[in-house]
Protein backbone atom coordinates (compact mmCIF):
# COMPACT_ATOMS: atom_id res chain seq x y z
CA UNK A 1 48.17 60.98 24.46
CA UNK A 2 44.46 60.68 22.75
CA UNK A 3 44.40 57.61 20.77
CA UNK A 4 42.43 58.22 17.34
CA UNK A 5 38.53 57.56 18.48
CA UNK A 6 38.87 60.65 20.62
CA UNK A 7 40.38 62.82 17.79
CA UNK A 8 37.39 61.53 15.57
CA UNK A 9 34.65 62.61 18.34
CA UNK A 10 36.12 65.80 18.14
CA UNK A 11 35.48 65.72 14.21
CA UNK A 12 31.89 64.44 15.00
CA UNK A 13 31.59 67.51 17.49
CA UNK A 14 32.57 69.75 15.34
CA UNK A 15 30.63 68.63 12.36
CA UNK A 16 27.63 68.97 14.97
CA UNK A 17 28.29 71.81 15.98
CA UNK A 18 29.91 74.67 13.34
CA UNK A 19 29.68 72.61 9.76
CA UNK A 20 28.45 75.05 7.14
CA UNK A 21 28.61 78.03 9.52
CA UNK A 22 31.19 80.94 10.16
CA UNK A 23 33.66 80.77 12.36
CA UNK A 24 34.90 83.23 14.58
CA UNK A 25 38.63 82.29 15.22
CA UNK A 26 41.15 84.01 17.77
CA UNK A 27 44.13 83.02 19.94
CA UNK A 28 43.66 84.60 23.42
CA UNK A 29 47.25 82.72 24.12
CA UNK A 30 48.48 84.79 21.23
CA UNK A 31 50.74 81.74 19.75
CA UNK A 32 47.93 81.45 17.17
CA UNK A 33 47.26 84.85 16.26
CA UNK A 34 48.58 84.74 13.42
CA UNK A 35 46.66 81.86 11.72
CA UNK A 36 43.63 82.53 13.79
CA UNK A 37 43.68 86.12 11.02
CA UNK A 38 43.83 84.11 8.64
CA UNK A 39 40.56 81.45 8.92
CA UNK A 40 39.04 84.06 11.09
CA UNK A 41 34.98 84.25 9.87
CA UNK A 42 35.48 81.49 7.45
CA UNK A 43 33.14 78.65 6.54
CA UNK A 44 33.86 75.27 7.88
CA UNK A 45 33.07 73.04 5.52
CA UNK A 46 34.01 69.48 7.59
CA UNK A 47 35.73 68.46 9.97
CA UNK A 48 37.55 65.21 9.88
CA UNK A 49 40.35 62.97 11.33
CA UNK A 50 42.80 60.65 10.01
CA UNK A 51 44.66 58.76 13.14
CA UNK A 52 45.20 61.55 15.68
CA UNK A 53 45.55 64.43 13.69
CA UNK A 54 42.09 66.60 13.38
CA UNK A 55 41.62 68.58 9.98
CA UNK A 56 39.52 71.69 9.67
CA UNK A 57 38.53 71.92 6.16
CA UNK A 58 37.31 75.94 5.62
CA UNK A 59 36.07 77.77 2.52
CA UNK A 60 38.77 78.74 0.08
CA UNK A 61 40.81 75.90 0.19
CA UNK A 62 42.75 76.16 3.82
CA UNK A 63 42.98 73.20 6.60
CA UNK A 64 43.52 74.09 9.98
CA UNK A 65 45.62 70.89 11.60
CA UNK A 66 45.67 70.33 14.88
CA UNK A 67 47.84 67.19 16.57
CA UNK A 68 46.73 67.41 20.71
CA UNK A 69 49.94 65.42 21.51
CA UNK A 70 50.93 64.85 25.08
CA UNK A 71 49.31 67.84 26.48
CA UNK A 72 46.45 69.30 24.23
CA UNK A 73 42.81 68.83 25.69
CA UNK A 74 39.82 70.79 24.18
CA UNK A 75 36.90 72.36 26.23
CA UNK A 76 33.54 73.29 25.31
CA UNK A 77 31.24 75.44 25.69
CA UNK A 78 26.82 75.72 24.89
CA UNK A 79 24.22 78.29 25.15
CA UNK A 80 24.51 80.59 27.79
CA UNK A 81 28.22 79.55 28.47
CA UNK A 82 29.74 81.05 25.40
CA UNK A 83 28.59 84.66 26.12
CA UNK A 84 29.92 84.05 29.95
CA UNK A 85 33.36 82.24 28.79
CA UNK A 86 33.78 85.31 26.19
CA UNK A 87 33.63 87.92 28.92
CA UNK A 88 35.99 85.49 31.18
CA UNK A 89 39.25 85.72 31.63
CA UNK A 90 40.25 82.44 29.49
CA UNK A 91 41.11 79.49 32.02
CA UNK A 92 44.72 78.43 31.11
CA UNK A 93 46.83 78.79 28.13
CA UNK A 94 43.98 78.67 25.38
CA UNK A 95 46.25 78.46 22.04
CA UNK A 96 42.79 78.81 19.67
CA UNK A 97 39.28 79.76 20.20
CA UNK A 98 36.42 78.60 18.01
CA UNK A 99 33.21 79.43 18.37
CA UNK A 100 29.64 80.77 17.25
CA UNK A 101 26.98 82.24 19.45
CA UNK A 102 25.43 79.14 20.04
CA UNK A 103 28.89 77.11 21.08
CA UNK A 104 32.82 77.35 21.78
CA UNK A 105 35.85 74.83 22.03
CA UNK A 106 38.84 76.16 23.54
CA UNK A 107 42.18 74.22 22.41
CA UNK A 108 45.13 73.92 25.06
CA UNK A 109 48.24 72.53 25.05
CA UNK A 110 48.57 71.32 21.37
CA UNK A 111 51.84 69.63 19.75
CA UNK A 112 50.17 71.42 16.24
CA UNK A 113 47.89 73.71 15.41
CA UNK A 114 48.43 75.58 11.82
CA UNK A 115 46.71 76.64 8.90
CA UNK A 116 47.86 74.85 5.70
CA UNK A 117 46.65 74.64 2.33
CA UNK A 118 44.68 71.57 0.50
CA UNK A 119 48.35 70.60 -1.16
CA UNK A 120 49.97 70.71 2.36
CA UNK A 121 47.02 68.71 3.96
CA UNK A 122 47.01 66.31 1.26
CA UNK A 123 51.15 65.31 2.04
CA UNK A 124 50.06 65.25 5.84
CA UNK A 125 47.51 62.84 4.97
CA UNK A 126 50.16 60.58 2.70
CA UNK A 127 52.40 60.43 5.26
CA UNK A 128 49.72 58.54 7.74
CA UNK A 129 48.99 55.20 7.64
CA UNK A 130 45.06 53.99 6.97
CA UNK A 131 42.96 54.91 9.85
CA UNK A 132 40.82 51.89 10.91
CA UNK A 133 37.88 54.57 11.63
CA UNK A 134 37.97 55.28 7.97
CA UNK A 135 37.70 51.68 7.01
CA UNK A 136 36.29 51.47 2.86
CA UNK A 137 34.81 48.79 1.87
CA UNK A 138 37.06 48.20 -1.53
CA UNK A 139 39.41 47.14 1.09
CA UNK A 140 42.07 49.27 0.16
CA UNK A 141 43.22 50.47 3.69
CA UNK A 142 43.11 47.07 4.73
CA UNK A 143 45.21 46.46 2.15
CA UNK A 144 47.50 49.01 3.26
CA UNK A 145 47.56 47.51 6.73
CA UNK A 146 48.53 44.44 5.59
CA UNK A 147 51.41 45.54 3.25
CA UNK A 148 52.98 47.89 5.56
CA UNK A 149 53.21 44.80 8.35
CA UNK A 150 54.40 42.53 6.33
CA UNK A 151 57.32 44.16 4.26
CA UNK A 152 59.06 44.94 8.14
CA UNK A 153 60.84 42.70 10.28
CA UNK A 154 59.91 44.99 13.30
CA UNK A 155 57.94 43.09 16.18
CA UNK A 156 54.05 43.64 15.32
CA UNK A 157 53.96 45.50 18.82
CA UNK A 158 56.12 48.37 17.74
CA UNK A 159 54.58 48.06 14.32
CA UNK A 160 51.20 49.29 16.05
CA UNK A 161 52.47 52.42 17.25
CA UNK A 162 53.75 53.22 13.67
CA UNK A 163 51.31 55.84 12.79
CA UNK A 164 52.68 55.36 9.38
CA UNK A 165 51.47 51.79 9.92
CA UNK A 166 48.20 52.51 11.07
CA UNK A 167 46.99 55.47 12.29
CA UNK A 168 45.10 56.40 15.72
CA UNK A 169 46.30 53.42 17.62
CA UNK A 170 48.06 53.98 20.66
CA UNK A 171 49.23 52.16 23.98
CA UNK A 172 45.93 50.88 24.79
CA UNK A 173 44.30 50.06 22.06
CA UNK A 174 48.11 48.03 20.73
CA UNK A 175 47.86 45.82 23.96
CA UNK A 176 44.06 45.20 23.89
CA UNK A 177 44.27 44.06 20.23
CA UNK A 178 47.41 41.76 20.12
CA UNK A 179 46.12 40.15 23.21
CA UNK A 180 42.84 39.47 21.51
CA UNK A 181 44.30 38.22 18.80
CA UNK A 182 46.65 35.95 20.67
CA UNK A 183 49.96 37.04 19.28
CA UNK A 184 52.83 37.33 20.90
CA UNK A 185 54.09 41.57 21.06
CA UNK A 186 57.73 40.75 19.96
CA UNK A 187 56.47 38.64 16.90
CA UNK A 188 57.87 39.95 13.50
CA UNK A 189 55.51 42.10 11.24
CA UNK A 190 56.95 39.85 8.12
CA UNK A 191 55.79 36.28 10.15
CA UNK A 192 52.34 37.66 10.32
CA UNK A 193 49.92 35.86 8.21
CA UNK A 194 47.18 37.67 6.13
CA UNK A 195 44.52 36.25 8.42
CA UNK A 196 46.20 37.49 11.68
CA UNK A 197 47.01 41.13 10.63
CA UNK A 198 43.30 40.79 8.88
CA UNK A 199 41.86 40.11 12.30
CA UNK A 200 43.48 42.54 14.03
CA UNK A 201 42.61 45.04 11.78
CA UNK A 202 38.75 43.94 11.89
CA UNK A 203 38.80 43.98 15.28
CA UNK A 204 40.47 47.68 15.38
CA UNK A 205 37.49 49.06 13.37
CA UNK A 206 35.11 47.25 15.74
CA UNK A 207 36.95 48.25 18.69
CA UNK A 208 37.58 51.88 18.11
CA UNK A 209 33.89 52.58 16.79
CA UNK A 210 33.07 51.52 20.24
CA UNK A 211 35.23 53.68 21.36
CA UNK A 212 33.80 56.69 19.53
CA UNK A 213 30.26 56.16 20.21
CA UNK A 214 31.15 55.53 23.92
CA UNK A 215 34.18 57.90 24.41
CA UNK A 216 36.07 55.04 26.51
CA UNK A 217 38.84 52.26 25.47
CA UNK A 218 36.51 49.39 26.20
CA UNK A 219 37.81 45.89 24.53
CA UNK A 220 35.85 43.53 26.75
CA UNK A 221 33.17 42.44 25.15
CA UNK A 222 30.89 41.45 27.62
CA UNK A 223 31.24 45.24 28.67
CA UNK A 224 30.12 47.13 25.78
CA UNK A 225 26.70 47.57 26.41
CA UNK A 226 27.70 48.57 30.33
CA UNK A 227 29.51 51.38 32.06
CA UNK A 228 32.77 49.94 34.05
CA UNK A 229 34.81 51.45 35.75
CA UNK A 230 37.93 52.07 34.30
CA UNK A 231 39.92 49.33 35.97
CA UNK A 232 37.43 46.81 34.09
CA UNK A 233 37.34 47.72 30.99
CA UNK A 234 40.59 46.08 29.68
CA UNK A 235 42.19 42.88 29.47
CA UNK A 236 45.86 43.26 30.39
CA UNK A 237 46.43 47.25 30.12
CA UNK A 238 48.34 48.32 33.36
CA UNK A 239 47.29 45.18 34.71
CA UNK A 240 50.98 44.09 35.06
CA UNK A 241 51.38 41.50 37.79
CA UNK A 242 47.66 40.74 37.87
CA UNK A 243 46.36 37.44 36.33
CA UNK A 244 45.15 37.74 33.28
CA UNK A 245 41.33 37.56 33.29
CA UNK A 246 41.15 34.58 31.00
CA UNK A 247 43.97 31.89 32.14
CA UNK A 248 44.88 33.56 35.42
CA UNK A 249 48.88 33.57 34.15
CA UNK A 250 50.34 36.59 35.28
CA UNK A 251 50.37 40.03 33.16
CA UNK A 252 53.70 40.84 32.11
CA UNK A 253 54.91 44.55 31.28
CA UNK A 254 58.20 45.75 29.16
CA UNK A 255 59.65 48.88 27.53
CA UNK A 256 59.35 48.70 23.84
CA UNK A 257 60.48 51.86 22.32
CA UNK A 258 59.96 53.51 25.45
CA UNK A 259 56.62 52.73 25.55
CA UNK A 260 54.75 50.24 28.02
CA UNK A 261 53.84 46.90 27.17
CA UNK A 262 51.22 44.68 28.23
CA UNK A 263 50.80 41.18 27.44
CA UNK A 264 50.01 37.80 28.80
CA UNK A 265 52.99 35.11 28.29
CA UNK A 266 50.53 32.43 27.98
CA UNK A 267 47.61 33.50 25.75
CA UNK A 268 50.14 35.44 23.36
CA UNK A 269 52.46 32.80 22.10
């Protein structure tokens, strides 16, 4: 499942290509036909992301909410490729197609693709936890994160995957944030200090901003300015049985809430 930085990159691309323009919207697959008919021809005011959810704010108070889930994907076309793609049969089951004369985005396999009004968009946003990529100078988002973790007895490894606690963090960032903080993933949320949680939050902001800029989940500081191979980008994620890059201890793997958890039992204790 795409993590939050990917959805923010998509929001940025929508703003670059479509903001302020009337969008042609249709549903080659047919499953979004009713929604497409409601939104077709409206101007995109802006696109924004909250965690793993993308919102397209259209004129007239309508929003399109998109959650890719596990299988959802985007495919983009630019320039002359737009006209050619419109002439050809769609590749795969295209749920929704957004386009102008110069750019087109095809959406396949999302968990959610729906037209909603402003009040419904606000309700969805209210249910989501604070998003490190929407960090604010007032510290309100950080304070919300700290409060939601400290009132829970769930392990921090589970809380970081809870989109009502923090939005946009998935399995990769969960493992890497806890490793970088030196925190045992099984430590209960209410036992973490404010200082520890502040450190996790600030690190999430920094790492996810790198993800937005590069398109990759790179969590090793020495590789931020390079283009490392996938196997070199992280400290512990998918490195079970291999030596920890810091201490040499064997990286562990376990299941936590049906998702694979990676950590170093020596560095994180």
